[in-house]
Amino acid sequence: MDVKATAKTVRVTPRKARLVLDLIRGKDVDEALAICRFMPNQAAAAVGKVVKSAAANATNNHQMDGSKLYVKACYADEGVTMKRWMPRAKGSASQILKRTSHITVVVTEK
């Protein structure tokens, strides 16, 4: 049985989140958490929270063994984009896009 957890509207770009997700895909949950803990990346903290949540969902809601869990799939979709304006030269302005992402992690037993 597949168990998933999703974090919506995380204030990190999907491109940066995918760098972390590519490293933990297919790994054991403990190993994935260790990778997220020691990565110097802002997205790693958010991904680590989602992995913990998925593992907790599997053990508490579906009575799975926590030591046998691994990350089956993980992906980051694009969330809402906040649009901001920054003043520029000669009275003009340029747009700044503050992107967000929806991070999903799917875990299952071996």
C-alpha atoms as a PDB file:
ATOM      1  CA  MET A   1       0.000   0.000   0.000  1.00  0.00           C
ATOM      2  CA  ASP A   2       1.278   3.449  -0.881  1.00  0.00           C
ATOM      3  CA  VAL A   3       1.039   6.216   1.706  1.00  0.00           C
ATOM      4  CA  LYS A   4       1.632   9.835   0.797  1.00  0.00           C
ATOM      5  CA  ALA A   5       2.049  13.217   2.417  1.00  0.00           C
ATOM      6  CA  THR A   6       1.846  16.619   0.749  1.00  0.00           C
ATOM      7  CA  ALA A   7       3.019  20.063   1.795  1.00  0.00           C
ATOM      8  CA  LYS A   8       1.184  22.777  -0.098  1.00  0.00           C
ATOM      9  CA  THR A   9       2.405  26.292  -0.926  1.00  0.00           C
ATOM     10  CA  VAL A  10       5.924  25.818   0.425  1.00  0.00           C
ATOM     11  CA  ARG A  11       7.928  29.011  -0.119  1.00  0.00           C
ATOM     12  CA  VAL A  12      10.688  27.393  -2.187  1.00  0.00           C
ATOM     13  CA  THR A  13      10.927  27.138  -5.950  1.00  0.00           C
ATOM     14  CA  PRO A  14      10.040  23.762  -7.459  1.00  0.00           C
ATOM     15  CA  ARG A  15      13.352  23.636  -9.298  1.00  0.00           C
ATOM     16  CA  LYS A  16      15.321  23.837  -6.043  1.00  0.00           C
ATOM     17  CA  ALA A  17      13.046  21.327  -4.325  1.00  0.00           C
ATOM     18  CA  ARG A  18      13.549  18.837  -7.169  1.00  0.00           C
ATOM     19  CA  LEU A  19      17.317  18.883  -6.562  1.00  0.00           C
ATOM     20  CA  VAL A  20      16.724  17.463  -3.081  1.00  0.00           C
ATOM     21  CA  LEU A  21      13.946  15.101  -4.170  1.00  0.00           C
ATOM     22  CA  ASP A  22      16.168  13.527  -6.824  1.00  0.00           C
ATOM     23  CA  LEU A  23      18.648  12.566  -4.092  1.00  0.00           C
ATOM     24  CA  ILE A  24      16.161  10.831  -1.801  1.00  0.00           C
ATOM     25  CA  ARG A  25      14.054   8.997  -4.394  1.00  0.00           C
ATOM     26  CA  GLY A  26      14.280   5.221  -3.843  1.00  0.00           C
ATOM     27  CA  LYS A  27      16.133   5.475  -0.520  1.00  0.00           C
ATOM     28  CA  ASP A  28      15.071   4.177   2.903  1.00  0.00           C
ATOM     29  CA  VAL A  29      13.197   6.698   5.033  1.00  0.00           C
ATOM     30  CA  ASP A  30      16.009   6.887   7.626  1.00  0.00           C
ATOM     31  CA  GLU A  31      18.605   7.494   4.924  1.00  0.00           C
ATOM     32  CA  ALA A  32      16.393  10.105   3.240  1.00  0.00           C
ATOM     33  CA  LEU A  33      15.979  11.957   6.543  1.00  0.00           C
ATOM     34  CA  ALA A  34      19.742  11.896   7.100  1.00  0.00           C
ATOM     35  CA  ILE A  35      20.326  13.347   3.627  1.00  0.00           C
ATOM     36  CA  CYS A  36      17.795  16.117   4.276  1.00  0.00           C
ATOM     37  CA  ARG A  37      19.222  16.896   7.699  1.00  0.00           C
ATOM     38  CA  PHE A  38      22.776  17.478   6.479  1.00  0.00           C
ATOM     39  CA  MET A  39      22.091  19.184   3.149  1.00  0.00           C
ATOM     40  CA  PRO A  40      22.869  22.928   3.113  1.00  0.00           C
ATOM     41  CA  ASN A  41      19.742  23.682   1.118  1.00  0.00           C
ATOM     42  CA  GLN A  42      16.624  25.571   2.185  1.00  0.00           C
ATOM     43  CA  ALA A  43      14.406  23.057   0.411  1.00  0.00           C
ATOM     44  CA  ALA A  44      15.944  20.145   2.336  1.00  0.00           C
ATOM     45  CA  ALA A  45      14.230  21.199   5.567  1.00  0.00           C
ATOM     46  CA  ALA A  46      10.809  21.287   3.881  1.00  0.00           C
ATOM     47  CA  VAL A  47      11.388  17.950   2.147  1.00  0.00           C
ATOM     48  CA  GLY A  48      12.509  16.393   5.431  1.00  0.00           C
ATOM     49  CA  LYS A  49       9.266  17.462   7.094  1.00  0.00           C
ATOM     50  CA  VAL A  50       7.201  15.880   4.330  1.00  0.00           C
ATOM     51  CA  VAL A  51       9.184  12.608   4.524  1.00  0.00           C
ATOM     52  CA  LYS A  52       8.641  12.511   8.299  1.00  0.00           C
ATOM     53  CA  SER A  53       4.939  13.140   7.817  1.00  0.00           C
ATOM     54  CA  ALA A  54       4.606  10.378   5.223  1.00  0.00           C
ATOM     55  CA  ALA A  55       6.414   7.920   7.500  1.00  0.00           C
ATOM     56  CA  ALA A  56       4.184   8.909  10.417  1.00  0.00           C
ATOM     57  CA  ASN A  57       1.082   8.454   8.258  1.00  0.00           C
ATOM     58  CA  ALA A  58       2.256   4.968   7.302  1.00  0.00           C
ATOM     59  CA  THR A  59       3.018   3.817  10.851  1.00  0.00           C
ATOM     60  CA  ASN A  60       0.096   5.447  12.670  1.00  0.00           C
ATOM     61  CA  ASN A  61      -2.739   5.261  10.126  1.00  0.00           C
ATOM     62  CA  HIS A  62      -1.867   2.120   8.157  1.00  0.00           C
ATOM     63  CA  GLN A  63       0.068   0.029  10.747  1.00  0.00           C
ATOM     64  CA  MET A  64       3.168  -0.370   8.554  1.00  0.00           C
ATOM     65  CA  ASP A  65       6.601  -1.231   9.918  1.00  0.00           C
ATOM     66  CA  GLY A  66       8.676   1.955  10.130  1.00  0.00           C
ATOM     67  CA  SER A  67      11.991   0.159   9.561  1.00  0.00           C
ATOM     68  CA  LYS A  68      10.857  -1.275   6.204  1.00  0.00           C
ATOM     69  CA  LEU A  69       9.643   2.001   4.670  1.00  0.00           C
ATOM     70  CA  TYR A  70      11.287   3.541   1.620  1.00  0.00           C
ATOM     71  CA  VAL A  71      10.563   6.537  -0.609  1.00  0.00           C
ATOM     72  CA  LYS A  72       8.743   5.132  -3.630  1.00  0.00           C
ATOM     73  CA  ALA A  73       8.055   8.431  -5.371  1.00  0.00           C
ATOM     74  CA  CYS A  74       8.530  12.118  -4.677  1.00  0.00           C
ATOM     75  CA  TYR A  75       7.843  15.172  -6.763  1.00  0.00           C
ATOM     76  CA  ALA A  76       7.435  18.931  -6.563  1.00  0.00           C
ATOM     77  CA  ASP A  77       4.679  20.636  -8.506  1.00  0.00           C
ATOM     78  CA  GLU A  78       4.366  24.355  -9.058  1.00  0.00           C
ATOM     79  CA  GLY A  79       2.141  26.210  -6.596  1.00  0.00           C
ATOM     80  CA  VAL A  80       0.803  29.739  -6.696  1.00  0.00           C
ATOM     81  CA  THR A  81       3.199  32.484  -7.740  1.00  0.00           C
ATOM     82  CA  MET A  82       3.221  35.760  -5.840  1.00  0.00           C
ATOM     83  CA  LYS A  83       3.862  38.715  -8.100  1.00  0.00           C
ATOM     84  CA  ARG A  84       5.767  41.695  -6.758  1.00  0.00           C
ATOM     85  CA  TRP A  85       7.133  44.855  -8.373  1.00  0.00           C
ATOM     86  CA  MET A  86      10.563  46.406  -7.996  1.00  0.00           C
ATOM     87  CA  PRO A  87      11.350  49.996  -8.980  1.00  0.00           C
ATOM     88  CA  ARG A  88      13.933  50.356 -11.739  1.00  0.00           C
ATOM     89  CA  ALA A  89      15.643  53.155 -13.591  1.00  0.00           C
ATOM     90  CA  LYS A  90      13.784  55.999 -15.348  1.00  0.00           C
ATOM     91  CA  GLY A  91      10.556  55.465 -13.443  1.00  0.00           C
ATOM     92  CA  SER A  92       9.939  51.965 -14.717  1.00  0.00           C
ATOM     93  CA  ALA A  93       9.361  48.783 -12.761  1.00  0.00           C
ATOM     94  CA  SER A  94      10.157  45.113 -13.214  1.00  0.00           C
ATOM     95  CA  GLN A  95       8.218  42.140 -12.014  1.00  0.00           C
ATOM     96  CA  ILE A  96       9.546  39.738  -9.375  1.00  0.00           C
ATOM     97  CA  LEU A  97       8.018  36.253  -9.253  1.00  0.00           C
ATOM     98  CA  LYS A  98       8.063  34.609  -5.829  1.00  0.00           C
ATOM     99  CA  ARG A  99       7.379  30.983  -6.625  1.00  0.00           C
ATOM    100  CA  THR A 100       5.935  28.324  -4.347  1.00  0.00           C
ATOM    101  CA  SER A 101       5.696  24.567  -4.679  1.00  0.00           C
ATOM    102  CA  HIS A 102       3.581  21.606  -3.617  1.00  0.00           C
ATOM    103  CA  ILE A 103       5.899  18.830  -2.374  1.00  0.00           C
ATOM    104  CA  THR A 104       4.560  15.247  -2.359  1.00  0.00           C
ATOM    105  CA  VAL A 105       6.326  12.154  -0.984  1.00  0.00           C
ATOM    106  CA  VAL A 106       5.007   8.593  -1.389  1.00  0.00           C
ATOM    107  CA  VAL A 107       6.353   5.840   0.907  1.00  0.00           C
ATOM    108  CA  THR A 108       5.694   2.110   0.955  1.00  0.00           C
ATOM    109  CA  GLU A 109       7.052  -1.044   2.592  1.00  0.00           C
ATOM    110  CA  LYS A 110       9.716  -3.230   1.004  1.00  0.00           C
END
